[in-house]
C-alpha cells in the first residue's frame, strides 16, 4: 500500500495538501490549464474563479509548438519559448508546480507531461482538478 501511495503522491496532490502547502508559504506555482475543444479559450473560466495565486496557461499557445508539416496537432513547444513562459508563470529553482484543469485532468496531464519533458521534476496534478 505504501508504494501505491508514494507513486500517487509523486504525480498527484490532494486539495488539502495543496491548501496546506500554499498556507505554509512553500514555493509553489499553481497553473490553471483550462481548455476544451468547445471552449478553447479558458480565460473566461479563469476570470470567473480560480485557485488563489494560480496563473492561467493557454494550452494551444504555451504548451504546444507550431504545427509544421507532419508535426501533429500539438507538437512540443520550443524549449526556449517554454523556458521564457515558465519564468513568466513564476517558476523558479526549487518551485513545486501544481497543474489543474476542469476536464478530467486531460489538459493538466498535458501540462504535467510537457513540464516533466522540459526537465522539471516537482510537478503534480491536482487530484480531482478545479472541481475538487
N, C-alpha and C. Protein backbone atom coordinates (compact mmCIF):
# COMPACT_ATOMS: atom_id res chain seq x y z
N UNK A 1 0.82 -1.19 0.00
CA UNK A 1 0.00 0.00 0.00
C UNK A 1 0.87 1.26 0.00
N UNK A 2 1.97 1.24 0.71
CA UNK A 2 2.85 2.41 0.78
C UNK A 2 3.41 2.75 -0.60
N UNK A 3 3.79 1.75 -1.38
CA UNK A 3 4.31 2.01 -2.71
C UNK A 3 3.28 2.69 -3.59
N UNK A 4 2.04 2.27 -3.51
CA UNK A 4 0.97 2.89 -4.30
C UNK A 4 0.82 4.34 -3.89
N UNK A 5 0.79 4.62 -2.59
CA UNK A 5 0.64 5.99 -2.12
C UNK A 5 1.82 6.84 -2.57
N UNK A 6 3.03 6.32 -2.44
CA UNK A 6 4.21 7.08 -2.85
C UNK A 6 4.18 7.40 -4.33
N UNK A 7 3.82 6.43 -5.17
CA UNK A 7 3.74 6.68 -6.61
C UNK A 7 2.65 7.70 -6.91
N UNK A 8 1.52 7.58 -6.25
CA UNK A 8 0.41 8.51 -6.45
C UNK A 8 0.80 9.92 -6.01
N UNK A 9 1.44 10.05 -4.88
CA UNK A 9 1.78 11.38 -4.35
C UNK A 9 2.92 12.04 -5.14
N UNK A 10 3.66 11.27 -5.91
CA UNK A 10 4.70 11.87 -6.78
C UNK A 10 4.07 12.54 -7.99
N UNK A 11 2.84 12.15 -8.34
CA UNK A 11 2.20 12.66 -9.54
C UNK A 11 0.95 13.50 -9.26
N UNK A 12 0.34 13.28 -8.10
CA UNK A 12 -0.89 13.99 -7.75
C UNK A 12 -0.74 14.65 -6.39
N UNK A 13 -1.50 15.72 -6.19
CA UNK A 13 -1.57 16.36 -4.88
C UNK A 13 -3.04 16.53 -4.54
N UNK A 14 -3.40 16.26 -3.31
CA UNK A 14 -4.80 16.40 -2.88
C UNK A 14 -5.10 17.89 -2.67
N UNK A 15 -6.37 18.26 -2.75
CA UNK A 15 -6.72 19.65 -2.45
C UNK A 15 -6.27 20.08 -1.06
N UNK A 16 -6.41 19.20 -0.06
CA UNK A 16 -5.99 19.53 1.31
C UNK A 16 -4.49 19.76 1.39
N UNK A 17 -3.71 18.91 0.72
CA UNK A 17 -2.26 19.07 0.73
C UNK A 17 -1.84 20.35 -0.01
N UNK A 18 -2.54 20.67 -1.09
CA UNK A 18 -2.23 21.92 -1.80
C UNK A 18 -2.55 23.11 -0.91
N UNK A 19 -3.69 23.08 -0.26
CA UNK A 19 -4.07 24.18 0.62
C UNK A 19 -3.04 24.36 1.73
N UNK A 20 -2.60 23.27 2.33
CA UNK A 20 -1.60 23.34 3.40
C UNK A 20 -0.28 23.88 2.86
N UNK A 21 0.09 23.44 1.67
CA UNK A 21 1.35 23.91 1.06
C UNK A 21 1.29 25.41 0.80
N UNK A 22 0.18 25.88 0.25
CA UNK A 22 0.04 27.31 -0.03
C UNK A 22 0.04 28.12 1.27
N UNK A 23 -0.63 27.62 2.31
CA UNK A 23 -0.68 28.31 3.59
C UNK A 23 0.69 28.38 4.26
N UNK A 24 1.53 27.37 4.01
CA UNK A 24 2.86 27.33 4.63
C UNK A 24 3.84 28.31 4.00
N UNK A 25 3.51 28.79 2.81
CA UNK A 25 4.43 29.70 2.11
C UNK A 25 5.52 28.99 1.34
N UNK A 26 5.45 27.65 1.28
CA UNK A 26 6.45 26.90 0.49
C UNK A 26 6.35 27.35 -0.97
N UNK A 27 7.50 27.50 -1.65
CA UNK A 27 7.46 27.97 -3.04
C UNK A 27 6.65 27.03 -3.94
N UNK A 28 5.48 27.50 -4.34
CA UNK A 28 4.55 26.69 -5.12
C UNK A 28 3.97 27.54 -6.23
N UNK A 29 4.01 27.03 -7.44
CA UNK A 29 3.41 27.70 -8.58
C UNK A 29 2.23 26.85 -9.03
N UNK A 30 1.05 27.47 -9.08
CA UNK A 30 -0.17 26.77 -9.47
C UNK A 30 -0.56 27.25 -10.86
N UNK A 31 -0.72 26.30 -11.78
CA UNK A 31 -1.04 26.63 -13.17
C UNK A 31 -2.44 26.14 -13.53
N UNK A 32 -3.27 27.06 -13.97
CA UNK A 32 -4.63 26.78 -14.39
C UNK A 32 -4.60 26.53 -15.90
N UNK A 33 -4.86 25.29 -16.32
CA UNK A 33 -4.75 24.92 -17.73
C UNK A 33 -6.13 24.50 -18.22
N UNK A 34 -7.09 25.38 -18.09
CA UNK A 34 -8.44 25.04 -18.56
C UNK A 34 -8.56 25.34 -20.05
N UNK A 35 -8.97 24.32 -20.78
CA UNK A 35 -9.13 24.38 -22.23
C UNK A 35 -10.02 23.22 -22.63
N UNK A 36 -10.93 23.46 -23.54
CA UNK A 36 -11.76 22.40 -24.10
C UNK A 36 -11.97 22.71 -25.57
N UNK A 37 -12.09 21.71 -26.40
CA UNK A 37 -12.33 21.98 -27.83
C UNK A 37 -13.56 22.86 -28.07
N UNK A 38 -14.60 22.68 -27.24
CA UNK A 38 -15.80 23.50 -27.41
C UNK A 38 -15.68 24.88 -26.76
N UNK A 39 -14.66 25.07 -25.91
CA UNK A 39 -14.35 26.36 -25.27
C UNK A 39 -12.84 26.53 -25.28
N UNK A 40 -12.23 26.77 -26.43
CA UNK A 40 -10.78 26.77 -26.49
C UNK A 40 -10.10 27.85 -25.65
N UNK A 41 -10.78 28.95 -25.37
CA UNK A 41 -10.17 29.98 -24.54
C UNK A 41 -10.65 29.79 -23.11
N UNK A 42 -9.75 29.36 -22.25
CA UNK A 42 -10.10 29.13 -20.85
C UNK A 42 -10.04 30.37 -19.99
N UNK A 43 -9.64 31.51 -20.57
CA UNK A 43 -9.52 32.73 -19.77
C UNK A 43 -10.83 33.16 -19.11
N UNK A 44 -11.99 33.10 -19.81
CA UNK A 44 -13.23 33.48 -19.12
C UNK A 44 -13.49 32.63 -17.87
N UNK A 45 -13.26 31.33 -17.95
CA UNK A 45 -13.45 30.46 -16.78
C UNK A 45 -12.45 30.84 -15.68
N UNK A 46 -11.23 31.14 -16.07
CA UNK A 46 -10.21 31.57 -15.10
C UNK A 46 -10.65 32.85 -14.39
N UNK A 47 -11.15 33.82 -15.16
CA UNK A 47 -11.59 35.09 -14.58
C UNK A 47 -12.80 34.91 -13.66
N UNK A 48 -13.65 33.92 -13.97
CA UNK A 48 -14.81 33.65 -13.12
C UNK A 48 -14.40 33.08 -11.77
N UNK A 49 -13.30 32.37 -11.74
CA UNK A 49 -12.82 31.79 -10.49
C UNK A 49 -11.66 30.86 -10.73
N UNK A 50 -10.71 30.91 -9.83
CA UNK A 50 -9.53 30.04 -9.92
C UNK A 50 -8.94 29.89 -8.53
N UNK A 51 -8.03 28.97 -8.39
CA UNK A 51 -7.33 28.79 -7.12
C UNK A 51 -6.52 30.07 -6.86
N UNK A 52 -6.60 30.62 -5.65
CA UNK A 52 -5.87 31.86 -5.37
C UNK A 52 -4.39 31.72 -5.72
N UNK A 53 -3.90 32.70 -6.48
CA UNK A 53 -2.50 32.72 -6.89
C UNK A 53 -2.21 31.95 -8.16
N UNK A 54 -3.20 31.21 -8.68
CA UNK A 54 -2.97 30.43 -9.89
C UNK A 54 -2.74 31.35 -11.08
N UNK A 55 -1.92 30.88 -12.01
CA UNK A 55 -1.61 31.59 -13.24
C UNK A 55 -2.27 30.83 -14.39
N UNK A 56 -2.95 31.57 -15.26
CA UNK A 56 -3.58 30.92 -16.41
C UNK A 56 -2.52 30.58 -17.46
N UNK A 57 -2.59 29.37 -18.00
CA UNK A 57 -1.70 28.91 -19.06
C UNK A 57 -2.56 28.50 -20.24
N UNK A 58 -2.27 29.06 -21.40
CA UNK A 58 -3.02 28.75 -22.62
C UNK A 58 -2.39 27.54 -23.29
N UNK A 59 -3.09 26.42 -23.25
CA UNK A 59 -2.54 25.17 -23.78
C UNK A 59 -2.08 25.28 -25.23
N UNK A 60 -2.92 25.77 -26.16
CA UNK A 60 -2.50 25.76 -27.57
C UNK A 60 -1.29 26.64 -27.88
N UNK A 61 -1.11 27.73 -27.14
CA UNK A 61 0.00 28.63 -27.47
C UNK A 61 1.20 28.53 -26.55
N UNK A 62 1.00 27.98 -25.34
CA UNK A 62 2.11 27.93 -24.39
C UNK A 62 2.61 26.52 -24.07
N UNK A 63 1.78 25.53 -24.30
CA UNK A 63 2.19 24.15 -24.04
C UNK A 63 2.28 23.33 -25.31
N UNK A 64 2.23 23.99 -26.44
CA UNK A 64 2.37 23.32 -27.73
C UNK A 64 3.14 24.23 -28.66
N UNK A 65 3.85 23.61 -29.58
CA UNK A 65 4.61 24.37 -30.56
C UNK A 65 3.84 24.58 -31.85
N UNK A 66 4.52 25.16 -32.77
CA UNK A 66 3.92 25.46 -34.07
C UNK A 66 3.78 24.18 -34.90
N UNK A 67 2.64 24.05 -35.54
CA UNK A 67 2.42 22.90 -36.41
C UNK A 67 3.18 23.11 -37.71
N UNK A 68 4.05 22.16 -38.01
CA UNK A 68 4.85 22.23 -39.24
C UNK A 68 4.81 20.86 -39.91
N UNK A 69 4.38 20.82 -41.15
CA UNK A 69 4.36 19.56 -41.88
C UNK A 69 3.56 18.49 -41.16
N UNK A 70 4.24 17.41 -40.81
CA UNK A 70 3.60 16.27 -40.16
C UNK A 70 3.84 16.27 -38.65
N UNK A 71 3.99 17.44 -38.07
CA UNK A 71 4.32 17.53 -36.64
C UNK A 71 3.19 17.10 -35.72
N UNK A 72 1.99 17.00 -36.25
CA UNK A 72 0.84 16.67 -35.41
C UNK A 72 0.13 17.93 -34.95
N UNK A 73 -1.00 17.74 -34.31
CA UNK A 73 -1.82 18.87 -33.91
C UNK A 73 -1.18 19.69 -32.79
N UNK A 74 -0.54 19.04 -31.84
CA UNK A 74 0.06 19.75 -30.71
C UNK A 74 1.49 19.27 -30.46
N UNK A 75 2.42 19.70 -31.33
CA UNK A 75 3.81 19.30 -31.09
C UNK A 75 4.36 19.96 -29.83
N UNK A 76 5.45 19.45 -29.34
CA UNK A 76 6.08 20.05 -28.17
C UNK A 76 6.46 21.50 -28.47
N UNK A 77 6.41 22.36 -27.46
CA UNK A 77 6.81 23.75 -27.69
C UNK A 77 8.33 23.85 -27.83
N UNK A 78 8.77 24.93 -28.43
CA UNK A 78 10.21 25.22 -28.47
C UNK A 78 10.68 25.39 -27.03
N UNK A 79 11.77 24.76 -26.67
CA UNK A 79 12.23 24.77 -25.28
C UNK A 79 12.53 26.19 -24.80
N UNK A 80 13.04 27.05 -25.67
CA UNK A 80 13.34 28.43 -25.27
C UNK A 80 12.06 29.21 -24.99
N UNK A 81 11.03 28.98 -25.79
CA UNK A 81 9.74 29.61 -25.54
C UNK A 81 9.15 29.11 -24.23
N UNK A 82 9.26 27.82 -23.98
CA UNK A 82 8.72 27.25 -22.75
C UNK A 82 9.47 27.80 -21.53
N UNK A 83 10.78 27.93 -21.63
CA UNK A 83 11.56 28.49 -20.51
C UNK A 83 11.14 29.93 -20.23
N UNK A 84 10.95 30.71 -21.28
CA UNK A 84 10.50 32.10 -21.13
C UNK A 84 9.14 32.14 -20.44
N UNK A 85 8.21 31.30 -20.92
CA UNK A 85 6.88 31.28 -20.35
C UNK A 85 6.91 30.80 -18.90
N UNK A 86 7.70 29.79 -18.61
CA UNK A 86 7.80 29.27 -17.25
C UNK A 86 8.30 30.36 -16.29
N UNK A 87 9.25 31.16 -16.71
CA UNK A 87 9.71 32.27 -15.87
C UNK A 87 8.57 33.27 -15.65
N UNK A 88 7.81 33.55 -16.70
CA UNK A 88 6.68 34.48 -16.59
C UNK A 88 5.61 33.92 -15.64
N UNK A 89 5.42 32.61 -15.64
CA UNK A 89 4.46 31.99 -14.74
C UNK A 89 4.93 32.01 -13.28
N UNK A 90 6.21 32.30 -13.07
CA UNK A 90 6.74 32.36 -11.71
C UNK A 90 7.55 31.15 -11.31
N UNK A 91 7.81 30.25 -12.22
CA UNK A 91 8.58 29.05 -11.89
C UNK A 91 10.05 29.44 -11.73
N UNK A 92 10.59 29.07 -10.57
CA UNK A 92 11.98 29.34 -10.23
C UNK A 92 12.61 28.05 -9.71
N UNK A 93 13.91 28.07 -9.56
CA UNK A 93 14.63 26.93 -8.97
C UNK A 93 14.00 26.61 -7.62
N UNK A 94 13.63 25.36 -7.40
CA UNK A 94 13.07 24.94 -6.13
C UNK A 94 11.56 25.08 -6.02
N UNK A 95 10.92 25.60 -7.05
CA UNK A 95 9.45 25.72 -7.02
C UNK A 95 8.80 24.36 -7.21
N UNK A 96 7.77 24.11 -6.44
CA UNK A 96 6.89 22.98 -6.70
C UNK A 96 5.82 23.51 -7.65
N UNK A 97 5.40 22.69 -8.58
CA UNK A 97 4.41 23.12 -9.58
C UNK A 97 3.19 22.21 -9.47
N UNK A 98 2.02 22.84 -9.44
CA UNK A 98 0.76 22.11 -9.41
C UNK A 98 -0.05 22.57 -10.61
N UNK A 99 -0.53 21.63 -11.40
CA UNK A 99 -1.34 21.94 -12.57
C UNK A 99 -2.75 21.41 -12.35
N UNK A 100 -3.73 22.12 -12.91
CA UNK A 100 -5.10 21.65 -12.82
C UNK A 100 -5.90 22.12 -14.02
N UNK A 101 -7.03 21.45 -14.23
CA UNK A 101 -7.99 21.84 -15.26
C UNK A 101 -9.38 21.51 -14.75
N UNK A 102 -10.37 21.59 -15.63
CA UNK A 102 -11.74 21.22 -15.24
C UNK A 102 -12.31 20.19 -16.22
N UNK A 103 -11.41 19.37 -16.76
CA UNK A 103 -11.81 18.42 -17.79
C UNK A 103 -11.16 17.05 -17.56
N UNK A 104 -11.39 16.49 -16.38
CA UNK A 104 -10.90 15.14 -16.03
C UNK A 104 -9.38 15.00 -16.11
N UNK A 105 -8.66 16.09 -16.00
CA UNK A 105 -7.20 16.03 -15.99
C UNK A 105 -6.55 15.95 -17.36
N UNK A 106 -7.32 16.06 -18.42
CA UNK A 106 -6.74 15.92 -19.76
C UNK A 106 -5.73 17.02 -20.06
N UNK A 107 -6.07 18.26 -19.76
CA UNK A 107 -5.15 19.36 -20.04
C UNK A 107 -4.07 19.44 -18.97
N UNK A 108 -4.43 19.17 -17.73
CA UNK A 108 -3.42 19.14 -16.67
C UNK A 108 -2.37 18.07 -16.98
N UNK A 109 -2.83 16.95 -17.53
CA UNK A 109 -1.89 15.89 -17.92
C UNK A 109 -0.91 16.37 -18.98
N UNK A 110 -1.41 17.14 -19.93
CA UNK A 110 -0.52 17.71 -20.96
C UNK A 110 0.50 18.64 -20.29
N UNK A 111 0.02 19.49 -19.39
CA UNK A 111 0.93 20.40 -18.70
C UNK A 111 1.97 19.65 -17.90
N UNK A 112 1.53 18.63 -17.16
CA UNK A 112 2.45 17.81 -16.36
C UNK A 112 3.52 17.19 -17.27
N UNK A 113 3.06 16.60 -18.37
CA UNK A 113 3.98 15.91 -19.27
C UNK A 113 4.98 16.87 -19.91
N UNK A 114 4.52 18.01 -20.40
CA UNK A 114 5.42 18.97 -21.05
C UNK A 114 6.45 19.51 -20.05
N UNK A 115 6.01 19.83 -18.84
CA UNK A 115 6.95 20.34 -17.85
C UNK A 115 7.95 19.28 -17.42
N UNK A 116 7.51 18.04 -17.29
CA UNK A 116 8.45 16.95 -16.98
C UNK A 116 9.42 16.73 -18.13
N UNK A 117 8.92 16.78 -19.37
CA UNK A 117 9.78 16.65 -20.55
C UNK A 117 10.86 17.74 -20.53
N UNK A 118 10.50 18.92 -20.06
CA UNK A 118 11.44 20.04 -20.03
C UNK A 118 12.46 19.93 -18.89
N UNK A 119 12.32 18.92 -18.05
CA UNK A 119 13.31 18.70 -17.00
C UNK A 119 12.88 19.09 -15.60
N UNK A 120 11.68 19.60 -15.44
CA UNK A 120 11.19 19.93 -14.10
C UNK A 120 10.72 18.65 -13.42
N UNK A 121 11.10 18.48 -12.17
CA UNK A 121 10.82 17.20 -11.51
C UNK A 121 9.71 17.28 -10.47
N UNK A 122 9.48 18.45 -9.89
CA UNK A 122 8.45 18.57 -8.85
C UNK A 122 7.19 19.15 -9.46
N UNK A 123 6.51 18.34 -10.26
CA UNK A 123 5.28 18.73 -10.94
C UNK A 123 4.20 17.72 -10.56
N UNK A 124 3.08 18.22 -10.06
CA UNK A 124 1.97 17.34 -9.70
C UNK A 124 0.66 17.93 -10.20
N UNK A 125 -0.27 17.06 -10.49
CA UNK A 125 -1.61 17.47 -10.90
C UNK A 125 -2.51 17.46 -9.67
N UNK A 126 -3.42 18.42 -9.64
CA UNK A 126 -4.38 18.49 -8.55
C UNK A 126 -5.38 17.35 -8.69
N UNK A 127 -5.41 16.48 -7.71
CA UNK A 127 -6.31 15.32 -7.74
C UNK A 127 -7.76 15.81 -7.71
N UNK A 128 -8.51 15.52 -8.76
CA UNK A 128 -9.88 15.96 -8.87
C UNK A 128 -10.05 17.26 -9.63
N UNK A 129 -8.94 17.90 -9.97
CA UNK A 129 -8.99 19.13 -10.76
C UNK A 129 -9.63 20.30 -10.03
N UNK A 130 -10.04 21.28 -10.80
CA UNK A 130 -10.61 22.51 -10.24
C UNK A 130 -11.85 22.23 -9.41
N UNK A 131 -12.66 21.28 -9.82
CA UNK A 131 -13.89 20.98 -9.09
C UNK A 131 -13.63 20.48 -7.69
N UNK A 132 -12.48 19.87 -7.45
CA UNK A 132 -12.15 19.34 -6.12
C UNK A 132 -11.88 20.48 -5.16
